[in-house]
Protein backbone atom coordinates (compact mmCIF):
# COMPACT_ATOMS: atom_id res chain seq x y z
CA UNK A 1 0.00 0.00 0.00
CA UNK A 2 3.03 2.28 -0.16
CA UNK A 3 3.68 2.53 -3.89
CA UNK A 4 1.11 4.28 -6.01
CA UNK A 5 1.12 5.87 -9.42
CA UNK A 6 -0.52 9.22 -10.00
CA UNK A 7 -0.49 9.49 -13.78
CA UNK A 8 -1.40 7.17 -16.63
CA UNK A 9 0.12 6.92 -20.11
CA UNK A 10 -2.15 9.73 -21.32
CA UNK A 11 -0.72 11.97 -18.60
CA UNK A 12 -4.01 12.03 -16.71
CA UNK A 13 -3.29 12.70 -13.04
CA UNK A 14 -4.77 9.64 -11.37
CA UNK A 15 -4.55 7.60 -8.19
CA UNK A 16 -3.70 4.00 -9.05
CA UNK A 17 -1.41 1.10 -8.24
CA UNK A 18 1.97 0.29 -9.71
CA UNK A 19 4.87 -2.12 -9.19
CA UNK A 20 3.60 -5.55 -10.22
CA UNK A 21 6.75 -7.58 -9.54
CA UNK A 22 4.71 -10.17 -7.63
CA UNK A 23 1.83 -10.06 -10.09
CA UNK A 24 0.18 -13.43 -10.48
CA UNK A 25 -3.20 -14.98 -11.05
CA UNK A 26 -5.04 -16.20 -7.99
CA UNK A 27 -8.17 -15.75 -5.86
CA UNK A 28 -9.29 -12.13 -5.53
CA UNK A 29 -9.52 -12.59 -1.78
CA UNK A 30 -5.72 -12.77 -1.49
CA UNK A 31 -5.42 -9.10 -2.38
CA UNK A 32 -8.17 -8.18 0.08
CA UNK A 33 -6.57 -10.13 2.92
CA UNK A 34 -3.15 -8.68 2.19
CA UNK A 35 -4.52 -5.16 2.12
CA UNK A 36 -6.50 -5.71 5.32
CA UNK A 37 -3.37 -6.84 7.16
CA UNK A 38 -1.45 -3.83 5.85
CA UNK A 39 -4.18 -1.47 7.04
CA UNK A 40 -4.16 -2.92 10.56
CA UNK A 41 -0.37 -2.68 10.86
CA UNK A 42 -0.17 0.84 9.44
CA UNK A 43 -3.07 2.11 11.54
CA UNK A 44 -1.48 0.73 14.71
CA UNK A 45 1.82 2.37 13.80
CA UNK A 46 -0.05 5.66 13.35
CA UNK A 47 -1.51 5.40 16.85
CA UNK A 48 -5.06 4.38 15.96
CA UNK A 49 -6.97 1.93 18.14
CA UNK A 50 -7.63 -1.65 17.10
CA UNK A 51 -11.35 -0.88 16.88
CA UNK A 52 -10.75 2.09 14.59
CA UNK A 53 -8.35 0.07 12.44
CA UNK A 54 -10.93 -2.68 11.99
CA UNK A 55 -13.54 -0.08 11.02
CA UNK A 56 -11.15 1.16 8.33
CA UNK A 57 -10.72 -2.36 7.00
CA UNK A 58 -14.49 -2.79 6.83
CA UNK A 59 -14.82 0.49 4.96
CA UNK A 60 -12.12 -0.62 2.51
CA UNK A 61 -14.07 -3.83 1.91
CA UNK A 62 -17.37 -1.97 1.54
CA UNK A 63 -15.98 0.37 -1.11
CA UNK A 64 -14.40 -2.58 -2.92
CA UNK A 65 -17.63 -4.57 -3.00
CA UNK A 66 -19.77 -1.56 -3.89
CA UNK A 67 -17.53 -0.64 -6.78
CA UNK A 68 -17.47 -4.23 -8.05
CA UNK A 69 -21.27 -4.17 -7.95
CA UNK A 70 -21.24 -0.90 -9.90
CA UNK A 71 -19.04 -2.49 -12.56
CA UNK A 72 -21.18 -5.62 -12.90
CA UNK A 73 -22.96 -5.75 -16.23
CA UNK A 74 -21.15 -2.70 -17.63
CA UNK A 75 -17.81 -1.79 -19.19
CA UNK A 76 -17.39 1.20 -16.88
CA UNK A 77 -14.28 -0.28 -15.30
CA UNK A 78 -12.40 0.26 -18.56
CA UNK A 79 -12.62 4.04 -18.25
CA UNK A 80 -12.84 4.41 -14.47
CA UNK A 81 -10.16 6.48 -12.78
CA UNK A 82 -9.69 8.46 -9.59
CA UNK A 83 -8.68 12.07 -10.22
CA UNK A 84 -8.58 15.26 -8.18
CA UNK A 85 -12.19 15.94 -9.16
CA UNK A 86 -13.59 12.80 -7.52
CA UNK A 87 -11.27 12.45 -4.52
CA UNK A 88 -10.72 14.27 -1.23
CA UNK A 89 -8.24 14.49 1.60
CA UNK A 90 -4.75 13.05 1.43
CA UNK A 91 -5.40 11.32 -1.90
CA UNK A 92 -6.59 14.53 -3.56
CA UNK A 93 -3.58 16.39 -2.14
CA UNK A 94 -1.25 13.73 -3.50
CA UNK A 95 -2.71 13.98 -7.00
CA UNK A 96 -2.55 17.77 -6.99
CA UNK A 97 1.03 17.88 -5.73
CA UNK A 98 2.20 15.85 -8.70
CA UNK A 99 0.51 18.05 -11.28
CA UNK A 100 3.69 20.10 -11.69
CA UNK A 101 5.89 17.07 -12.27
CA UNK A 102 7.06 16.39 -15.81
CA UNK A 103 9.59 14.50 -17.86
CA UNK A 104 11.82 17.56 -18.21
CA UNK A 105 12.40 17.67 -14.46
CA UNK A 106 13.13 13.94 -14.49
CA UNK A 107 15.71 14.41 -17.24
CA UNK A 108 17.31 17.25 -15.28
CA UNK A 109 17.52 15.04 -12.20
CA UNK A 110 19.25 12.09 -13.84
CA UNK A 111 20.93 13.42 -17.00
CA UNK A 112 23.05 16.24 -18.36
CA UNK A 113 24.45 17.51 -21.65
CA UNK A 114 28.08 16.56 -22.23
CA UNK A 115 30.71 18.65 -24.00
CA UNK A 116 29.33 17.46 -27.34
CA UNK A 117 25.83 18.61 -26.34
CA UNK A 118 24.64 15.01 -26.24
CA UNK A 119 22.40 14.01 -23.36
CA UNK A 120 23.94 11.40 -21.07
CA UNK A 121 23.31 10.11 -17.59
CA UNK A 122 24.96 11.71 -14.62
CA UNK A 123 27.27 9.50 -12.58
CA UNK A 124 26.48 9.42 -8.86
CA UNK A 125 26.80 7.01 -5.95
CA UNK A 126 23.50 5.46 -7.06
CA UNK A 127 23.97 5.77 -10.84
CA UNK A 128 27.05 3.87 -11.94
CA UNK A 129 28.53 3.34 -15.42
CA UNK A 130 28.45 -0.20 -16.81
CA UNK A 131 31.30 -2.09 -18.42
CA UNK A 132 31.65 -2.06 -22.19
CA UNK A 133 30.66 -5.73 -22.35
CA UNK A 134 27.60 -5.13 -20.18
CA UNK A 135 26.65 -2.15 -22.33
CA UNK A 136 26.95 -4.29 -25.44
CA UNK A 137 24.83 -7.07 -23.93
CA UNK A 138 22.05 -4.66 -22.98
CA UNK A 139 22.18 -2.93 -26.36
CA UNK A 140 21.87 -6.32 -28.01
CA UNK A 141 18.75 -7.07 -25.97
CA UNK A 142 16.93 -3.96 -27.16
CA UNK A 143 15.58 -5.63 -30.30
CA UNK A 144 13.79 -8.33 -28.30
CA UNK A 145 12.44 -5.66 -25.96
CA UNK A 146 11.01 -3.70 -28.89
CA UNK A 147 9.52 -6.89 -30.33
CA UNK A 148 7.77 -7.56 -27.00
CA UNK A 149 5.71 -4.38 -27.37
CA UNK A 150 2.42 -4.90 -29.25
CA UNK A 151 2.66 -3.53 -32.78
CA UNK A 152 -0.28 -1.23 -32.09
CA UNK A 153 1.74 0.54 -29.39
CA UNK A 154 5.17 0.31 -30.99
CA UNK A 155 6.92 3.46 -32.16
CA UNK A 156 9.46 3.79 -34.97
CA UNK A 157 12.75 2.07 -34.21
CA UNK A 158 14.46 5.47 -33.91
CA UNK A 159 12.37 6.15 -30.79
CA UNK A 160 14.19 3.35 -28.97
CA UNK A 161 17.72 4.33 -30.06
CA UNK A 162 19.94 3.72 -27.03
CA UNK A 163 21.97 6.74 -25.90
CA UNK A 164 23.33 5.78 -22.48
CA UNK A 165 23.07 3.23 -19.66
CA UNK A 166 23.58 3.33 -15.91
CA UNK A 167 23.38 0.68 -13.22
CA UNK A 168 20.89 1.90 -10.62
CA UNK A 169 21.80 1.10 -7.03
CA UNK A 170 19.85 1.34 -3.78
CA UNK A 171 16.30 1.09 -5.11
CA UNK A 172 13.46 -1.03 -3.86
CA UNK A 173 13.08 -3.30 -0.87
CA UNK A 174 12.05 -6.73 -2.06
CA UNK A 175 14.14 -6.18 -5.19
CA UNK A 176 17.38 -5.30 -3.41
CA UNK A 177 20.20 -7.41 -4.83
CA UNK A 178 18.62 -7.64 -8.27
CA UNK A 179 19.93 -5.81 -11.30
CA UNK A 180 18.24 -2.56 -12.21
CA UNK A 181 19.36 -0.36 -15.09
CA UNK A 182 18.33 3.04 -16.37
CA UNK A 183 18.40 3.33 -20.16
CA UNK A 184 18.34 6.68 -21.94
CA UNK A 185 16.62 6.45 -25.33
CA UNK A 186 15.99 8.94 -28.13
CA UNK A 187 12.27 9.44 -27.67
CA UNK A 188 9.94 11.23 -30.12
CA UNK A 189 12.58 13.38 -31.83
CA UNK A 190 16.32 13.65 -32.38
CA UNK A 191 16.46 16.60 -29.99
CA UNK A 192 17.77 16.29 -26.44
CA UNK A 193 14.76 17.68 -24.60
CA UNK A 194 12.33 14.82 -25.17
CA UNK A 195 14.55 11.83 -24.46
CA UNK A 196 12.96 9.07 -22.40
CA UNK A 197 14.33 7.12 -19.45
CA UNK A 198 13.56 3.41 -19.28
CA UNK A 199 13.88 1.30 -16.17
CA UNK A 200 15.04 -2.25 -16.88
CA UNK A 201 14.50 -4.39 -13.80
CA UNK A 202 15.53 -7.98 -13.17
CA UNK A 203 12.57 -10.19 -12.34
CA UNK A 204 12.33 -13.49 -10.49
CA UNK A 205 9.48 -15.84 -9.78
CA UNK A 206 6.49 -14.35 -8.01
CA UNK A 207 6.37 -15.06 -4.29
CA UNK A 208 2.84 -16.33 -4.89
CA UNK A 209 4.11 -19.00 -7.27
CA UNK A 210 7.08 -19.80 -5.04
CA UNK A 211 4.74 -20.44 -2.11
CA UNK A 212 3.50 -23.58 -3.80
CA UNK A 213 5.43 -26.78 -4.48
CA UNK A 214 5.25 -28.13 -7.05
CA UNK A 215 4.49 -24.98 -9.08
CA UNK A 216 1.79 -26.88 -10.95
CA UNK A 217 -0.38 -26.63 -7.83
CA UNK A 218 -1.14 -23.05 -8.84
CA UNK A 219 0.32 -22.67 -12.34
CA UNK A 220 -2.32 -24.72 -14.09
CA UNK A 221 -4.79 -23.91 -16.88
CA UNK A 222 -7.41 -21.60 -15.44
CA UNK A 223 -4.84 -19.91 -13.24
CA UNK A 224 -1.57 -18.82 -14.84
CA UNK A 225 0.31 -21.54 -16.72
CA UNK A 226 3.89 -20.60 -17.45
CA UNK A 227 3.11 -20.96 -21.15
CA UNK A 228 1.13 -17.72 -20.87
CA UNK A 229 4.34 -15.82 -20.27
CA UNK A 230 6.78 -18.15 -22.00
CA UNK A 231 8.62 -18.95 -18.76
CA UNK A 232 9.91 -15.37 -18.89
CA UNK A 233 9.37 -13.59 -15.57
CA UNK A 234 9.73 -10.16 -17.15
CA UNK A 235 6.88 -11.07 -19.47
CA UNK A 236 4.79 -12.15 -16.45
CA UNK A 237 5.23 -8.73 -14.83
CA UNK A 238 4.50 -6.95 -18.11
CA UNK A 239 1.28 -8.96 -18.49
CA UNK A 240 0.21 -8.16 -14.92
CA UNK A 241 0.92 -4.48 -15.47
CA UNK A 242 -1.09 -4.29 -18.67
CA UNK A 243 -3.92 -6.39 -17.25
CA UNK A 244 -4.51 -4.29 -14.15
CA UNK A 245 -4.02 -0.73 -15.39
CA UNK A 246 -5.96 1.50 -17.76
CA UNK A 247 -3.98 3.45 -20.38
CA UNK A 248 -0.89 1.41 -19.65
CA UNK A 249 2.57 2.79 -20.35
CA UNK A 250 3.20 2.03 -24.06
CA UNK A 251 6.85 1.36 -23.28
CA UNK A 252 6.09 -1.66 -21.08
CA UNK A 253 7.88 -4.73 -22.38
CA UNK A 254 10.47 -7.31 -21.47
CA UNK A 255 13.76 -8.80 -22.59
CA UNK A 256 16.53 -11.17 -21.56
CA UNK A 257 20.18 -10.29 -20.92
CA UNK A 258 22.63 -13.16 -20.39
CA UNK A 259 19.76 -15.50 -19.48
CA UNK A 260 18.41 -13.03 -16.90
CA UNK A 261 14.79 -11.91 -17.43
CA UNK A 262 13.99 -8.20 -17.25
CA UNK A 263 10.83 -6.14 -17.32
CA UNK A 264 11.14 -2.75 -19.02
CA UNK A 265 8.98 0.34 -18.60
CA UNK A 266 9.29 4.10 -18.66
CA UNK A 267 10.75 5.69 -15.55
CA UNK A 268 7.76 7.81 -14.67
CA UNK A 269 8.10 11.30 -13.16
CA UNK A 270 4.63 10.83 -11.69
CA UNK A 271 5.21 7.70 -9.62
CA UNK A 272 5.48 8.45 -5.93
CA UNK A 273 5.54 6.67 -2.61
CA UNK A 274 2.28 7.03 -0.74
CA UNK A 275 3.15 8.23 2.76
CA UNK A 276 0.73 6.40 5.03
CA UNK A 277 2.12 8.25 8.07
CA UNK A 278 0.04 11.22 6.88
CA UNK A 279 -3.08 9.24 7.80
CA UNK A 280 -2.99 10.44 11.39
CA UNK A 281 -6.72 10.30 12.12
CA UNK A 282 -9.41 7.73 11.60
CA UNK A 283 -11.24 9.94 9.11
CA UNK A 284 -8.11 10.53 6.99
CA UNK A 285 -7.31 6.82 6.99
CA UNK A 286 -10.92 5.91 6.25
CA UNK A 287 -11.07 8.24 3.23
CA UNK A 288 -7.77 7.07 1.76
CA UNK A 289 -8.53 3.38 2.14
CA UNK A 290 -11.97 3.92 0.68
CA UNK A 291 -10.25 5.10 -2.49
CA UNK A 292 -7.86 2.17 -2.25
CA UNK A 293 -10.85 -0.17 -2.23
CA UNK A 294 -12.10 1.39 -5.45
CA UNK A 295 -8.67 1.08 -7.05
CA UNK A 296 -8.37 -2.61 -6.17
CA UNK A 297 -11.88 -3.21 -7.52
CA UNK A 298 -10.94 -1.53 -10.79
CA UNK A 299 -7.72 -3.55 -10.98
CA UNK A 300 -9.62 -6.80 -10.56
CA UNK A 301 -12.50 -5.86 -12.86
CA UNK A 302 -10.35 -4.93 -15.87
CA UNK A 303 -7.97 -7.87 -15.54
CA UNK A 304 -10.58 -10.51 -16.33
CA UNK A 305 -12.02 -11.29 -19.77
CA UNK A 306 -11.75 -7.57 -20.51
CA UNK A 307 -8.00 -8.09 -20.80
CA UNK A 308 -7.64 -11.65 -22.07
CA UNK A 309 -10.51 -14.14 -22.12
CA UNK A 310 -8.02 -16.94 -22.77
CA UNK A 311 -6.61 -16.40 -19.27
CA UNK A 312 -9.79 -15.43 -17.40
CA UNK A 313 -12.92 -16.25 -19.43
CA UNK A 314 -15.39 -14.74 -16.95
CA UNK A 315 -16.41 -11.36 -15.57
CA UNK A 316 -14.71 -11.12 -12.19
CA UNK A 317 -16.86 -8.18 -11.08
CA UNK A 318 -19.98 -10.27 -11.72
CA UNK A 319 -18.55 -13.37 -10.04
CA UNK A 320 -17.46 -11.51 -6.90
CA UNK A 321 -20.70 -9.56 -6.62
CA UNK A 322 -22.84 -12.67 -7.01
CA UNK A 323 -20.79 -14.72 -4.54
CA UNK A 324 -20.87 -12.09 -1.79
CA UNK A 325 -24.45 -10.96 -2.37
CA UNK A 326 -26.49 -11.50 0.79
CA UNK A 327 -23.38 -12.42 2.78
CA UNK A 328 -21.48 -9.14 3.06
CA UNK A 329 -21.42 -9.09 6.85
CA UNK A 330 -20.03 -12.63 7.06
CA UNK A 331 -17.56 -11.87 4.28
CA UNK A 332 -16.21 -8.80 6.07
CA UNK A 333 -16.01 -10.65 9.40
CA UNK A 334 -13.93 -13.39 7.77
CA UNK A 335 -11.49 -10.91 6.27
CA UNK A 336 -11.16 -8.89 9.48
CA UNK A 337 -10.65 -11.97 11.67
CA UNK A 338 -8.01 -13.29 9.30
CA UNK A 339 -6.25 -9.92 9.21
CA UNK A 340 -6.20 -9.54 13.00
CA UNK A 341 -4.58 -12.95 13.46
CA UNK A 342 -2.14 -12.47 10.60
CA UNK A 343 -1.10 -8.98 11.74
CA UNK A 344 -0.34 -10.38 15.18
CA UNK A 345 1.80 -13.08 13.59
CA UNK A 346 3.65 -10.47 11.52
CA UNK A 347 4.50 -8.56 14.69
CA UNK A 348 5.74 -11.74 16.38
CA UNK A 349 7.83 -12.61 13.34
CA UNK A 350 9.36 -9.14 13.17
CA UNK A 351 10.23 -9.16 16.88
CA UNK A 352 11.86 -12.58 16.50
CA UNK A 353 13.81 -11.38 13.48
CA UNK A 354 15.11 -8.27 15.29
CA UNK A 355 16.08 -10.28 18.38
CA UNK A 356 17.89 -12.87 16.28
CA UNK A 357 19.69 -10.18 14.29
CA UNK A 358 20.80 -8.34 17.44
CA UNK A 359 22.11 -11.61 18.89
CA UNK A 360 24.07 -12.41 15.74
CA UNK A 361 22.01 -15.48 14.93
CA UNK A 362 22.39 -16.71 11.36
CA UNK A 363 18.95 -16.38 9.85
CA UNK A 364 19.38 -17.86 6.39
């Protein structure tokens, strides 16, 4: 619940999700349970009572279910988005604060003009040059990246002309230790003011898939067989990104470098970390998580047959609405009870981890 995107590929300022490294196909309830646990932990950290935190979870679930019901029998999910005009509070403030962000400021942050007036990356402690062999390997992988983009969204080859590369250090949490590169490409024109920055990120198996042994327990027809993404984890993340977002970044794709799978997308100037510590009151938290419930509903509703009927041949918004109809109270109780127990376990696990670390115990 910390990473959110506030602009789509059409530069609409919106409140939405991003970062689909763990994207996988599974029961919708997994996302709801995970979010419920996150809400309880964050609310406690912000000083809210357990009762208030559980109320916030119930509101999140209500807005999710209500929005799924709204989507049932329509195609409204395909155009639905949260903007400054239909949001309030912290979420509205977040959207408005990013309205002055642009690609020019992003270029200024990470790049400069060299003595030949060519745009290149800056070199910093977190942006490091790559070896000539590494540069050559990445350059050689560009053609497969371009080919991974649907022809309807593909630009002329000159758009993707590679101008510079840097190894990006110190980003992410779950992705620490994985390769991440920034690629500077030509963009719409041969000028230096509209270059684009791509992020090329190493991808591994989703934790969801890794939680099952053998993988076939979950990766079976009707869920997400590896054939859907060609056993290429970058392709899996690209599919999840395109399935769950409206107006997806047209530069989303994937490639392989020295047998390592990568997902590629534009480094967006509009992507920000959502600071949950700003949710200092029950009403602020309630409002924000109400919008989160709508976002998750939209993500689920557009990723069904609306995206690819060969993967999900049904309307998820209809299925969820019909299943829960008449049982909302029981449904919410089940989610809340699960989240309370799981949040307690998370706290126990974290305490055990810290104690073991402080005592020098080998953990892995």
